[in-house]
Amino acid sequence: MKNAVTEILRYCREENTFGALLLCGAWGTGKTYLLEHEIRDSLGDAFVLIRLSLFGEDSVDGVRRKASAACASFNMPLAPVRQEDGCRLILAFDDLERTNLSQVEILGCINEYCENLHIKTIVVANEEKLETLSQQRAEGESREYLLYSEMKEKLIVRTVRLTMDPAKVVAGVIAQYASPREDYLAFLRENAGELSAVLEVCELHNIRSLRCGVQDFERIYGLCREADLPPEAIRKFFSSFVLFTILAKGGKITRSRTTGYSLNRLQQNYPGHYWDRYMPDCLKDGAISGAWDLPAIRQALARTGDYLAGKMRPENMLRFLSFLEMDDDMVSAGWESYLQLAYSGALDAEEYLNLLSNLAAARAYGYAWPCVPDMNAVSAGLSESLRAACEGEEAPAFPGNLPEEDVTDQFTEAEQEIYEQILSFFQERRYLLIQDRNRLAAALSQRDERAFYRCRRCRIDLFSDAMAKDALAWYASLADNQRRVAFRDILVKIAETSREDAEEEAFAGLAVLKEGLRRLEQDSEGQPLTQIVIRSFAERL
């Protein structure tokens, strides 16, 4: 950055005016800030530097009007030097890649000020985006344009590429950060080195993203202090959060509807700066979408606090520790109770994956557990856990991280089946079938017409005897054939679309409903139209 400042100042102060200077660099590297502060302050009162943003400009006349108005506000004529005091004008055209004008139009306009009016001119751009944008426009329109590189050769005589000094950038961000929390400001100063290291390792030198991470973490910092977490834990939350934010805003984070964030593997890619345990999904969602689930965040922080303070029972610590993080006393005291949690379905999907990984790791090291797990019971517990995860309206969260391939290669056949059970549940979105079934069962048992109508596009994984009895009782209570036909059409549609890929026994309840309809038809003797409507329902099941 120091070399960039030196070169820009040299260009501005040179007596000869010849061509423009291009200041280029990736988005967020501080090009605008450099002009508005370091360059302007260094030039002093002998120069008037006017920065004009080209963001969204769609006409050359609009650019000219903006330049004239800006110069008038500084009482500066559109000339190289103001006559009365010799003050020199410098025009800086920012956001070149974000204009709606063609490269020919905007660079031709800038050339008027530089070559024809002999005004010192700085062009600010992310040159990588310029090349792409120019080519896209040339391909998408029938008229031909000169390539950006050809236009640049005519206008630009000097190019300065801005590279970031992470330590200096971090120092500047912290110095400018305003907060009523003096403890947070002190925390930022104490962790300036960690911020610099995060910028180095992620290789996305975007100051705006860094500022977002620092600003958003302030609320998390307050919650960490409320949870009385130790400084080292807060530092790990901080480093993980800022790194995740920079990567997310740089388009490096993916979130699948089925696999969540699990494929990003940040702990493996950024060891020492990112920890999965210190970046739960509730913080990831907040960083990406601004959906700050404060109760979930408080719960995650409290769980971390309990673990660090040794308040967790051994069986609960075994739920999320990796094999090499365990100790002998913990395993001896908690292993059997931990397995009972796994058998009962008390673990979540990520904790079952952790169990599988730890079983494989123990075999690799020749370690013998206090007792051998019953993998059939583990599978049954997983089924119960997945079922319970579907009780809410929201889709269950996919495990944060999947085991590496070298770990899954070591799974036994039983472990591999459980692993595939988890993957298929999320990747095939089986939870949607369960959630739809729960919604339909609730609508039938409560005789909620509005909820039942909303189920018309549901696909379910089974139709039970209990659902059949509720459906029959509700259907029998309907007062007219119009409502009976509407009821029939919705339930038949659900059954037709759901049974395509399902096991026949999963829909045994339909036979119960069909038999009940036949009895209901017999009980409707003397009402031939009603009998026909009921019979049509039974025949379509």
Protein backbone atom coordinates (compact mmCIF):
# COMPACT_ATOMS: atom_id res chain seq x y z
CA MET A 1 0.00 0.00 0.00
CA LYS A 2 2.91 2.37 0.74
CA ASN A 3 4.20 2.04 -2.82
CA ALA A 4 0.71 2.75 -4.17
CA VAL A 5 0.48 5.97 -2.18
CA THR A 6 3.94 7.05 -3.36
CA GLU A 7 3.10 6.43 -7.02
CA ILE A 8 -0.26 8.20 -6.88
CA LEU A 9 1.23 11.26 -5.16
CA ARG A 10 4.05 11.38 -7.70
CA TYR A 11 1.52 11.36 -10.54
CA CYS A 12 -0.57 14.12 -8.95
CA ARG A 13 2.39 16.39 -8.32
CA GLU A 14 4.12 16.02 -11.68
CA GLU A 15 4.15 19.20 -13.72
CA ASN A 16 3.46 17.50 -17.02
CA THR A 17 -0.11 16.31 -17.57
CA PHE A 18 -0.13 13.28 -19.80
CA GLY A 19 -2.67 10.47 -19.68
CA ALA A 20 -4.56 9.05 -16.71
CA LEU A 21 -3.54 6.84 -13.80
CA LEU A 22 -5.38 3.58 -13.17
CA LEU A 23 -5.74 2.52 -9.54
CA CYS A 24 -6.89 -1.10 -9.61
CA GLY A 25 -7.49 -3.86 -7.10
CA ALA A 26 -10.12 -6.34 -5.99
CA TRP A 27 -13.39 -5.17 -4.47
CA GLY A 28 -13.06 -4.22 -0.85
CA THR A 29 -9.29 -3.70 -0.84
CA GLY A 30 -9.65 -0.05 0.16
CA LYS A 31 -9.13 1.83 -3.12
CA THR A 32 -11.80 4.45 -2.37
CA TYR A 33 -10.66 4.83 1.22
CA LEU A 34 -7.08 5.36 0.03
CA LEU A 35 -8.14 8.24 -2.20
CA GLU A 36 -10.50 9.86 0.29
CA HIS A 37 -8.05 9.77 3.19
CA GLU A 38 -4.36 9.07 2.63
CA ILE A 39 -4.07 10.66 -0.80
CA ARG A 40 -6.30 13.65 -0.04
CA ASP A 41 -4.60 14.29 3.30
CA SER A 42 -1.12 13.95 1.80
CA LEU A 43 -1.85 16.35 -1.07
CA GLY A 44 -2.94 19.07 1.33
CA ASP A 45 -4.53 22.43 0.42
CA ALA A 46 -2.60 22.81 -2.82
CA PHE A 47 -4.89 20.29 -4.52
CA VAL A 48 -8.63 19.67 -4.78
CA LEU A 49 -9.30 15.94 -5.30
CA ILE A 50 -12.86 15.28 -6.45
CA ARG A 51 -14.04 11.67 -6.51
CA LEU A 52 -16.93 10.83 -8.84
CA SER A 53 -18.65 7.45 -8.54
CA LEU A 54 -19.75 5.93 -11.84
CA PHE A 55 -21.97 3.38 -10.07
CA GLY A 56 -25.11 2.88 -12.18
CA GLU A 57 -24.40 5.78 -14.55
CA ASP A 58 -26.12 5.15 -17.87
CA SER A 59 -25.39 8.32 -19.87
CA VAL A 60 -22.30 10.36 -20.71
CA ASP A 61 -24.27 13.56 -20.13
CA GLY A 62 -25.07 12.35 -16.60
CA VAL A 63 -21.36 11.87 -15.89
CA ARG A 64 -20.59 15.34 -17.24
CA ARG A 65 -23.30 16.94 -15.12
CA LYS A 66 -22.02 15.15 -12.03
CA ALA A 67 -18.47 16.37 -12.71
CA SER A 68 -19.60 19.98 -13.26
CA ALA A 69 -21.74 20.01 -10.12
CA ALA A 70 -18.96 18.51 -7.98
CA CYS A 71 -16.42 21.08 -9.21
CA ALA A 72 -18.87 23.92 -8.62
CA SER A 73 -19.36 22.78 -5.03
CA PHE A 74 -15.62 23.24 -4.49
CA ASN A 75 -15.62 26.54 -6.43
CA MET A 76 -13.23 24.84 -8.82
CA PRO A 77 -13.43 25.40 -12.60
CA LEU A 78 -13.01 22.47 -14.95
CA ALA A 79 -9.40 23.42 -15.61
CA PRO A 80 -6.05 22.05 -14.47
CA VAL A 81 -5.31 25.02 -12.17
CA ARG A 82 -7.48 27.58 -10.36
CA GLN A 83 -6.10 30.96 -11.45
CA GLU A 84 -6.45 32.99 -8.25
CA ASP A 85 -4.55 30.64 -5.92
CA GLY A 86 -2.91 28.12 -8.22
CA CYS A 87 -4.81 25.24 -6.61
CA ARG A 88 -4.72 22.14 -8.83
CA LEU A 89 -7.73 19.97 -9.73
CA ILE A 90 -7.62 16.17 -9.69
CA LEU A 91 -10.61 14.14 -10.90
CA ALA A 92 -10.96 10.55 -9.69
CA PHE A 93 -13.54 8.38 -11.52
CA ASP A 94 -14.45 5.51 -9.19
CA ASP A 95 -16.40 2.26 -9.76
CA LEU A 96 -15.58 2.06 -13.46
CA GLU A 97 -16.68 -1.59 -13.61
CA ARG A 98 -20.09 -0.74 -12.13
CA THR A 99 -21.22 1.73 -14.79
CA ASN A 100 -24.00 0.84 -17.24
CA LEU A 101 -22.17 2.60 -20.04
CA SER A 102 -20.08 0.73 -22.59
CA GLN A 103 -16.33 0.87 -22.14
CA VAL A 104 -16.02 2.99 -25.29
CA GLU A 105 -18.49 5.55 -23.98
CA ILE A 106 -17.18 5.93 -20.45
CA LEU A 107 -13.46 5.81 -21.28
CA GLY A 108 -14.06 8.25 -24.13
CA CYS A 109 -15.81 10.59 -21.70
CA ILE A 110 -12.96 10.35 -19.18
CA ASN A 111 -10.45 10.98 -21.97
CA GLU A 112 -12.06 14.39 -22.60
CA TYR A 113 -11.02 15.58 -19.13
CA CYS A 114 -7.60 14.00 -19.30
CA GLU A 115 -6.42 14.68 -22.86
CA ASN A 116 -8.54 17.62 -23.96
CA LEU A 117 -8.84 19.61 -20.70
CA HIS A 118 -5.42 18.47 -19.37
CA ILE A 119 -6.79 17.66 -15.90
CA LYS A 120 -5.01 15.14 -13.72
CA THR A 121 -7.27 12.08 -13.86
CA ILE A 122 -7.37 8.92 -11.77
CA VAL A 123 -9.49 5.95 -12.81
CA VAL A 124 -10.43 3.47 -10.04
CA ALA A 125 -11.55 -0.03 -10.98
CA ASN A 126 -11.50 -3.74 -10.31
CA GLU A 127 -9.84 -4.58 -13.61
CA GLU A 128 -10.78 -8.27 -13.52
CA LYS A 129 -14.47 -7.32 -13.54
CA LEU A 130 -13.87 -4.80 -16.33
CA GLU A 131 -12.52 -7.40 -18.72
CA THR A 132 -15.43 -9.77 -18.09
CA LEU A 133 -18.05 -7.04 -18.32
CA SER A 134 -16.70 -5.69 -21.59
CA GLN A 135 -16.69 -9.11 -23.21
CA GLN A 136 -20.23 -9.90 -22.02
CA ARG A 137 -21.60 -6.71 -23.48
CA ALA A 138 -19.79 -7.22 -26.76
CA GLU A 139 -21.21 -10.74 -27.07
CA GLY A 140 -24.74 -9.75 -26.07
CA GLU A 141 -25.18 -6.88 -28.53
CA SER A 142 -24.96 -6.68 -32.29
CA ARG A 143 -22.66 -3.63 -32.46
CA GLU A 144 -18.93 -4.14 -32.07
CA TYR A 145 -16.86 -2.56 -29.33
CA LEU A 146 -13.17 -2.05 -28.98
CA LEU A 147 -11.72 -4.33 -26.35
CA TYR A 148 -11.06 -2.79 -22.96
CA SER A 149 -7.34 -3.42 -23.39
CA GLU A 150 -7.35 -1.35 -26.60
CA MET A 151 -9.18 1.51 -24.93
CA LYS A 152 -6.88 1.36 -21.93
CA GLU A 153 -3.80 1.76 -24.13
CA LYS A 154 -5.17 5.09 -25.39
CA LEU A 155 -6.06 6.56 -21.98
CA ILE A 156 -3.97 4.97 -19.21
CA VAL A 157 -0.27 5.83 -18.95
CA ARG A 158 0.38 4.45 -15.47
CA THR A 159 -1.16 1.59 -13.49
CA VAL A 160 -1.00 1.19 -9.73
CA ARG A 161 -2.19 -2.12 -8.29
CA LEU A 162 -3.31 -1.92 -4.71
CA THR A 163 -2.24 -4.82 -2.54
CA MET A 164 -3.21 -5.08 1.08
CA ASP A 165 -0.96 -4.99 4.11
CA PRO A 166 -3.14 -7.02 6.51
CA ALA A 167 -1.60 -5.63 9.69
CA LYS A 168 -2.02 -2.04 8.55
CA VAL A 169 -5.58 -2.66 7.33
CA VAL A 170 -6.58 -4.27 10.63
CA ALA A 171 -5.02 -1.42 12.59
CA GLY A 172 -7.04 1.06 10.51
CA VAL A 173 -10.30 -0.86 10.90
CA ILE A 174 -9.87 -1.06 14.67
CA ALA A 175 -8.86 2.59 14.98
CA GLN A 176 -12.01 3.70 13.12
CA TYR A 177 -14.40 1.31 14.87
CA ALA A 178 -16.80 3.13 17.16
CA SER A 179 -18.62 1.36 19.98
CA PRO A 180 -19.95 2.25 23.43
CA ARG A 181 -18.43 -1.02 24.66
CA GLU A 182 -14.92 -0.18 25.77
CA ASP A 183 -14.35 -3.85 26.58
CA TYR A 184 -15.04 -4.80 22.95
CA LEU A 185 -12.67 -2.13 21.65
CA ALA A 186 -10.00 -3.48 24.00
CA PHE A 187 -10.78 -7.01 22.80
CA LEU A 188 -10.27 -5.92 19.16
CA ARG A 189 -6.92 -4.36 19.98
CA GLU A 190 -5.82 -7.49 21.83
CA ASN A 191 -6.77 -9.68 18.86
CA ALA A 192 -5.44 -7.49 16.05
CA GLY A 193 -2.80 -10.09 15.27
CA GLU A 194 -5.41 -12.82 14.91
CA LEU A 195 -7.43 -10.63 12.52
CA SER A 196 -4.33 -10.04 10.42
CA ALA A 197 -3.65 -13.78 10.30
CA VAL A 198 -7.26 -14.47 9.25
CA LEU A 199 -6.90 -12.02 6.34
CA GLU A 200 -3.67 -13.72 5.33
CA VAL A 201 -4.98 -17.28 5.32
CA CYS A 202 -8.34 -16.65 3.63
CA GLU A 203 -6.67 -14.73 0.76
CA LEU A 204 -9.74 -12.55 0.32
CA HIS A 205 -8.46 -9.09 1.15
CA ASN A 206 -11.84 -7.41 1.36
CA ILE A 207 -11.96 -4.62 3.94
CA ARG A 208 -15.76 -4.30 3.78
CA SER A 209 -16.19 -7.97 4.65
CA LEU A 210 -13.68 -7.64 7.47
CA ARG A 211 -15.60 -4.67 8.87
CA CYS A 212 -18.86 -6.63 8.65
CA GLY A 213 -17.36 -9.50 10.61
CA VAL A 214 -15.98 -7.19 13.29
CA GLN A 215 -19.27 -5.29 13.58
CA ASP A 216 -21.53 -8.36 13.66
CA PHE A 217 -19.38 -10.08 16.24
CA GLU A 218 -19.96 -7.27 18.74
CA ARG A 219 -23.38 -8.68 19.64
CA ILE A 220 -21.90 -12.19 19.94
CA TYR A 221 -19.11 -10.81 22.12
CA GLY A 222 -21.71 -9.42 24.52
CA LEU A 223 -23.43 -12.82 24.68
CA CYS A 224 -20.07 -14.52 25.27
CA ARG A 225 -19.45 -12.22 28.22
CA GLU A 226 -22.96 -12.95 29.54
CA ALA A 227 -22.14 -16.68 29.36
CA ASP A 228 -18.90 -15.97 31.26
CA LEU A 229 -16.77 -17.70 28.64
CA PRO A 230 -12.99 -17.58 29.10
CA PRO A 231 -10.93 -15.25 26.82
CA GLU A 232 -9.48 -18.12 24.77
CA ALA A 233 -12.96 -19.43 23.93
CA ILE A 234 -14.15 -15.97 22.90
CA ARG A 235 -11.06 -15.62 20.70
CA LYS A 236 -11.90 -18.88 18.93
CA PHE A 237 -15.51 -17.77 18.40
CA PHE A 238 -14.19 -14.45 17.07
CA SER A 239 -11.61 -15.90 14.68
CA SER A 240 -14.03 -18.53 13.34
CA PHE A 241 -16.81 -15.98 12.88
CA VAL A 242 -14.75 -13.32 11.08
CA LEU A 243 -13.12 -15.87 8.77
CA PHE A 244 -16.52 -17.40 7.94
CA THR A 245 -17.98 -13.94 7.25
CA ILE A 246 -15.17 -12.96 4.87
CA LEU A 247 -15.45 -16.25 2.99
CA ALA A 248 -19.25 -16.06 2.85
CA LYS A 249 -19.28 -12.53 1.46
CA GLY A 250 -16.61 -13.55 -1.02
CA GLY A 251 -18.85 -16.30 -2.38
CA LYS A 252 -16.73 -19.12 -0.95
CA ILE A 253 -19.36 -20.63 1.34
CA THR A 254 -22.09 -22.94 0.08
CA ARG A 255 -25.23 -23.93 1.94
CA SER A 256 -27.13 -26.85 0.46
CA ARG A 257 -30.78 -27.44 1.33
CA THR A 258 -29.87 -31.04 2.07
CA THR A 259 -26.28 -30.99 3.35
CA GLY A 260 -26.24 -27.56 4.99
CA TYR A 261 -22.73 -26.17 5.47
CA SER A 262 -21.06 -29.55 5.83
CA LEU A 263 -19.16 -29.57 2.53
CA ASN A 264 -17.13 -26.41 3.19
CA ARG A 265 -14.66 -28.22 5.51
CA LEU A 266 -13.35 -25.00 7.00
CA GLN A 267 -11.69 -26.59 10.03
CA GLN A 268 -9.60 -28.78 7.73
CA ASN A 269 -8.75 -25.89 5.39
CA TYR A 270 -8.01 -23.24 8.04
CA PRO A 271 -6.56 -25.04 11.08
CA GLY A 272 -5.70 -22.77 13.96
CA HIS A 273 -8.12 -20.07 12.80
CA TYR A 274 -11.42 -21.91 12.47
CA TRP A 275 -13.05 -24.42 14.82
CA ASP A 276 -16.34 -26.18 14.02
CA ARG A 277 -17.23 -26.32 17.71
CA TYR A 278 -17.01 -22.52 17.92
CA MET A 279 -19.13 -21.83 14.83
CA PRO A 280 -22.58 -23.46 15.22
CA ASP A 281 -25.13 -23.10 12.44
CA CYS A 282 -27.01 -20.38 14.33
CA LEU A 283 -23.96 -18.11 13.96
CA LYS A 284 -23.46 -19.10 10.31
CA ASP A 285 -27.07 -18.25 9.49
CA GLY A 286 -26.68 -14.89 11.22
CA ALA A 287 -23.52 -14.05 9.27
CA ILE A 288 -25.09 -14.94 5.93
CA SER A 289 -28.70 -13.80 6.23
CA GLY A 290 -28.86 -11.63 9.34
CA ALA A 291 -31.25 -14.15 10.94
CA TRP A 292 -29.90 -13.91 14.48
CA ASP A 293 -31.60 -16.62 16.56
CA LEU A 294 -30.54 -15.28 19.96
CA PRO A 295 -32.03 -18.14 22.04
CA ALA A 296 -30.17 -20.69 19.90
CA ILE A 297 -26.95 -18.66 20.14
CA ARG A 298 -27.25 -18.37 23.92
CA GLN A 299 -27.85 -22.11 24.16
CA ALA A 300 -24.77 -22.88 22.04
CA LEU A 301 -22.61 -20.53 24.11
CA ALA A 302 -23.93 -22.00 27.37
CA ARG A 303 -23.12 -25.51 26.15
CA THR A 304 -19.57 -24.41 25.36
CA GLY A 305 -19.29 -22.81 28.76
CA ASP A 306 -20.46 -25.96 30.53
CA TYR A 307 -17.96 -28.06 28.61
CA LEU A 308 -15.03 -25.75 29.33
CA ALA A 309 -15.97 -25.49 33.00
CA GLY A 310 -16.12 -29.28 33.33
CA LYS A 311 -19.79 -29.14 34.27
CA MET A 312 -20.88 -31.65 31.64
CA ARG A 313 -21.38 -35.22 32.67
CA PRO A 314 -18.91 -37.61 30.97
CA GLU A 315 -21.60 -39.17 28.77
CA ASN A 316 -22.56 -35.75 27.44
CA MET A 317 -18.96 -34.81 26.71
CA LEU A 318 -18.56 -38.02 24.71
CA ARG A 319 -21.36 -36.86 22.43
CA PHE A 320 -19.20 -34.34 20.59
CA LEU A 321 -15.53 -34.95 21.47
CA SER A 322 -13.30 -36.63 18.91
CA PHE A 323 -11.51 -39.82 19.92
CA LEU A 324 -8.17 -38.15 20.66
CA GLU A 325 -9.84 -35.45 22.80
CA MET A 326 -11.20 -38.00 25.28
CA ASP A 327 -9.41 -39.21 28.42
CA ASP A 328 -9.52 -42.52 30.26
CA ASP A 329 -11.53 -41.36 33.27
CA MET A 330 -14.18 -39.81 31.01
CA VAL A 331 -14.60 -43.00 28.97
CA SER A 332 -14.65 -45.24 32.03
CA ALA A 333 -17.29 -43.11 33.76
CA GLY A 334 -19.50 -42.25 30.81
CA TRP A 335 -19.25 -44.87 28.04
CA GLU A 336 -22.16 -47.11 29.00
CA SER A 337 -24.48 -44.17 29.73
CA TYR A 338 -23.40 -42.61 26.44
CA LEU A 339 -24.39 -45.76 24.55
CA GLN A 340 -27.78 -45.70 26.26
CA LEU A 341 -28.25 -42.17 24.92
CA ALA A 342 -27.40 -43.44 21.44
CA TYR A 343 -29.82 -46.40 21.77
CA SER A 344 -32.68 -44.17 22.95
CA GLY A 345 -32.38 -41.65 20.12
CA ALA A 346 -31.14 -38.82 22.38
CA LEU A 347 -28.25 -37.92 20.05
CA ASP A 348 -28.67 -35.75 16.96
CA ALA A 349 -27.46 -36.74 13.50
CA GLU A 350 -24.10 -35.01 13.89
CA GLU A 351 -23.50 -36.79 17.19
CA TYR A 352 -24.26 -40.17 15.60
CA LEU A 353 -21.71 -39.34 12.90
CA ASN A 354 -19.20 -38.48 15.62
CA LEU A 355 -19.85 -41.85 17.24
CA LEU A 356 -19.14 -43.64 13.94
CA SER A 357 -15.92 -41.69 13.41
CA ASN A 358 -14.73 -42.41 16.94
CA LEU A 359 -15.44 -46.13 16.59
CA ALA A 360 -13.31 -46.20 13.42
CA ALA A 361 -10.53 -44.16 15.04
CA ALA A 362 -10.43 -46.45 18.08
CA ARG A 363 -9.93 -49.49 15.83
CA ALA A 364 -7.13 -47.71 13.96
CA TYR A 365 -5.30 -47.10 17.25
CA GLY A 366 -6.05 -50.55 18.65
CA TYR A 367 -8.14 -49.16 21.50
CA ALA A 368 -10.80 -51.32 23.20
CA TRP A 369 -13.92 -49.59 24.56
CA PRO A 370 -15.30 -50.68 27.96
CA CYS A 371 -18.06 -52.53 26.09
CA VAL A 372 -18.88 -53.13 22.44
CA PRO A 373 -21.78 -51.06 21.06
CA ASP A 374 -24.90 -52.84 19.80
CA MET A 375 -25.06 -51.40 16.28
CA ASN A 376 -28.64 -52.59 15.74
CA ALA A 377 -29.65 -50.58 18.80
CA VAL A 378 -27.66 -47.60 17.50
CA SER A 379 -29.51 -47.81 14.19
CA ALA A 380 -32.87 -47.96 15.97
CA GLY A 381 -31.88 -44.98 18.12
CA LEU A 382 -30.89 -43.03 15.02
CA SER A 383 -34.28 -43.75 13.45
CA GLU A 384 -36.00 -42.39 16.54
CA SER A 385 -33.74 -39.32 16.56
CA LEU A 386 -34.49 -38.56 12.90
CA ARG A 387 -38.20 -39.05 13.50
CA ALA A 388 -38.13 -36.63 16.42
CA ALA A 389 -36.18 -34.11 14.35
CA CYS A 390 -39.18 -33.88 12.00
CA GLU A 391 -41.63 -32.80 14.68
CA GLY A 392 -41.09 -29.11 13.99
CA GLU A 393 -42.13 -27.06 10.97
CA GLU A 394 -38.53 -26.34 9.90
CA ALA A 395 -36.37 -28.82 8.05
CA PRO A 396 -33.90 -30.63 10.34
CA ALA A 397 -30.36 -29.26 10.17
CA PHE A 398 -27.88 -31.35 8.22
CA PRO A 399 -24.80 -32.33 10.27
CA GLY A 400 -22.21 -29.59 10.21
CA ASN A 401 -19.39 -31.80 8.95
CA LEU A 402 -19.23 -35.18 7.25
CA PRO A 403 -16.38 -37.58 8.01
CA GLU A 404 -13.50 -37.53 5.55
CA GLU A 405 -13.30 -40.30 2.97
CA ASP A 406 -10.30 -41.90 4.69
CA VAL A 407 -12.49 -42.25 7.81
CA THR A 408 -15.58 -43.67 6.07
CA ASP A 409 -13.36 -46.19 4.27
CA GLN A 410 -12.64 -47.69 7.70
CA PHE A 411 -16.30 -48.14 8.65
CA THR A 412 -17.58 -51.65 9.29
CA GLU A 413 -20.58 -52.83 7.29
CA ALA A 414 -22.94 -51.94 10.15
CA GLU A 415 -21.36 -48.50 10.55
CA GLN A 416 -21.58 -47.88 6.81
CA GLU A 417 -25.31 -48.74 6.85
CA ILE A 418 -25.92 -46.22 9.64
CA TYR A 419 -23.86 -43.61 7.77
CA GLU A 420 -25.94 -44.15 4.62
CA GLN A 421 -29.10 -44.00 6.74
CA ILE A 422 -28.14 -40.45 7.75
CA LEU A 423 -27.12 -39.39 4.25
CA SER A 424 -30.27 -40.73 2.60
CA PHE A 425 -32.48 -39.06 5.19
CA PHE A 426 -31.08 -35.64 4.27
CA GLN A 427 -30.03 -36.05 0.64
CA GLU A 428 -33.32 -37.68 -0.37
CA ARG A 429 -35.15 -35.20 1.87
CA ARG A 430 -37.06 -37.98 3.62
CA TYR A 431 -37.78 -35.60 6.45
CA LEU A 432 -40.21 -33.80 4.15
CA LEU A 433 -42.31 -36.97 3.87
CA ILE A 434 -42.38 -37.29 7.65
CA GLN A 435 -43.24 -33.62 8.18
CA ASP A 436 -46.02 -33.83 5.59
CA ARG A 437 -47.36 -36.96 7.28
CA ASN A 438 -47.34 -35.22 10.66
CA ARG A 439 -49.22 -32.26 9.20
CA LEU A 440 -51.83 -34.52 7.61
CA ALA A 441 -52.26 -36.59 10.79
CA ALA A 442 -52.75 -33.42 12.84
CA ALA A 443 -55.29 -32.02 10.38
CA LEU A 444 -57.29 -35.29 10.42
CA SER A 445 -57.28 -35.71 14.19
CA GLN A 446 -58.25 -32.07 14.80
CA ARG A 447 -60.71 -31.91 11.88
CA ASP A 448 -59.03 -28.70 10.76
CA GLU A 449 -60.43 -27.98 7.28
CA ARG A 450 -57.99 -25.19 6.48
CA ALA A 451 -54.95 -27.27 7.49
CA PHE A 452 -56.35 -30.28 5.60
CA TYR A 453 -56.71 -28.22 2.42
CA ARG A 454 -53.09 -27.06 2.76
CA CYS A 455 -52.08 -30.72 2.76
CA ARG A 456 -53.41 -31.28 -0.77
CA ARG A 457 -49.87 -31.30 -2.25
CA CYS A 458 -48.31 -33.34 0.56
CA ARG A 459 -46.33 -36.51 -0.04
CA ILE A 460 -46.25 -38.81 2.98
CA ASP A 461 -44.21 -41.85 3.95
CA LEU A 462 -47.03 -43.86 5.54
CA PHE A 463 -50.76 -43.86 6.22
CA SER A 464 -51.41 -45.50 9.60
CA ASP A 465 -54.46 -47.20 11.09
CA ALA A 466 -54.85 -44.25 13.47
CA MET A 467 -54.92 -41.81 10.54
CA ALA A 468 -57.50 -44.03 8.81
CA LYS A 469 -59.78 -44.02 11.87
CA ASP A 470 -59.51 -40.22 12.21
CA ALA A 471 -60.21 -39.75 8.49
CA LEU A 472 -63.24 -42.04 8.61
CA ALA A 473 -64.71 -40.38 11.69
CA TRP A 474 -64.32 -36.92 10.17
CA TYR A 475 -65.70 -38.04 6.78
CA ALA A 476 -68.75 -39.61 8.45
CA SER A 477 -69.48 -36.34 10.24
CA LEU A 478 -69.58 -34.25 7.05
CA ALA A 479 -73.07 -32.90 6.44
CA ASP A 480 -73.31 -32.90 2.64
CA ASN A 481 -71.95 -34.65 -0.45
CA GLN A 482 -70.20 -31.53 -1.73
CA ARG A 483 -67.88 -31.53 1.27
CA ARG A 484 -67.52 -35.32 1.09
CA VAL A 485 -66.32 -35.11 -2.54
CA ALA A 486 -63.83 -32.34 -1.68
CA PHE A 487 -62.50 -34.44 1.23
CA ARG A 488 -62.22 -37.51 -1.01
CA ASP A 489 -60.34 -35.66 -3.77
CA ILE A 490 -57.70 -34.29 -1.41
CA LEU A 491 -57.04 -37.58 0.40
CA VAL A 492 -57.02 -39.65 -2.79
CA LYS A 493 -54.56 -37.21 -4.40
CA ILE A 494 -52.22 -37.48 -1.41
CA ALA A 495 -52.41 -41.29 -1.49
CA GLU A 496 -51.81 -41.50 -5.25
CA THR A 497 -48.71 -39.31 -5.26
CA SER A 498 -47.28 -40.85 -2.07
CA ARG A 499 -47.63 -44.56 -2.90
CA GLU A 500 -45.57 -44.38 -6.11
CA ASP A 501 -42.22 -45.09 -4.44
CA ALA A 502 -43.39 -46.41 -1.06
CA GLU A 503 -43.63 -49.87 0.43
CA GLU A 504 -47.19 -51.21 0.27
CA GLU A 505 -47.28 -52.06 3.97
CA ALA A 506 -46.57 -48.41 4.83
CA PHE A 507 -50.05 -47.61 3.50
CA ALA A 508 -51.93 -50.48 5.15
CA GLY A 509 -54.13 -47.89 6.83
CA LEU A 510 -55.82 -47.26 3.49
CA ALA A 511 -57.33 -50.76 3.69
CA VAL A 512 -58.69 -49.90 7.12
CA LEU A 513 -60.22 -46.73 5.71
CA LYS A 514 -61.64 -48.62 2.73
CA GLU A 515 -63.32 -51.20 4.98
CA GLY A 516 -64.75 -48.44 7.15
CA LEU A 517 -66.19 -46.70 4.08
CA ARG A 518 -67.99 -49.91 3.09
CA ARG A 519 -69.62 -50.09 6.51
CA LEU A 520 -70.52 -46.42 6.24
CA GLU A 521 -72.10 -47.07 2.85
CA GLN A 522 -74.26 -49.81 4.34
CA ASP A 523 -75.31 -47.54 7.19
CA SER A 524 -76.49 -44.95 4.62
CA GLU A 525 -79.29 -47.16 3.33
CA GLY A 526 -82.15 -45.04 1.97
CA GLN A 527 -79.71 -42.32 0.76
CA PRO A 528 -78.70 -43.64 -2.68
CA LEU A 529 -76.72 -40.52 -3.74
CA THR A 530 -74.76 -40.53 -0.52
CA GLN A 531 -74.04 -44.24 -0.97
CA ILE A 532 -72.70 -43.58 -4.48
CA VAL A 533 -70.40 -40.82 -3.18
CA ILE A 534 -69.06 -43.04 -0.38
CA ARG A 535 -68.60 -45.98 -2.79
CA SER A 536 -66.64 -43.74 -5.21
CA PHE A 537 -64.28 -42.85 -2.37
CA ALA A 538 -63.65 -46.51 -1.45
CA GLU A 539 -63.13 -47.52 -5.09
CA ARG A 540 -60.42 -44.87 -5.63
CA LEU A 541 -58.33 -45.93 -2.63
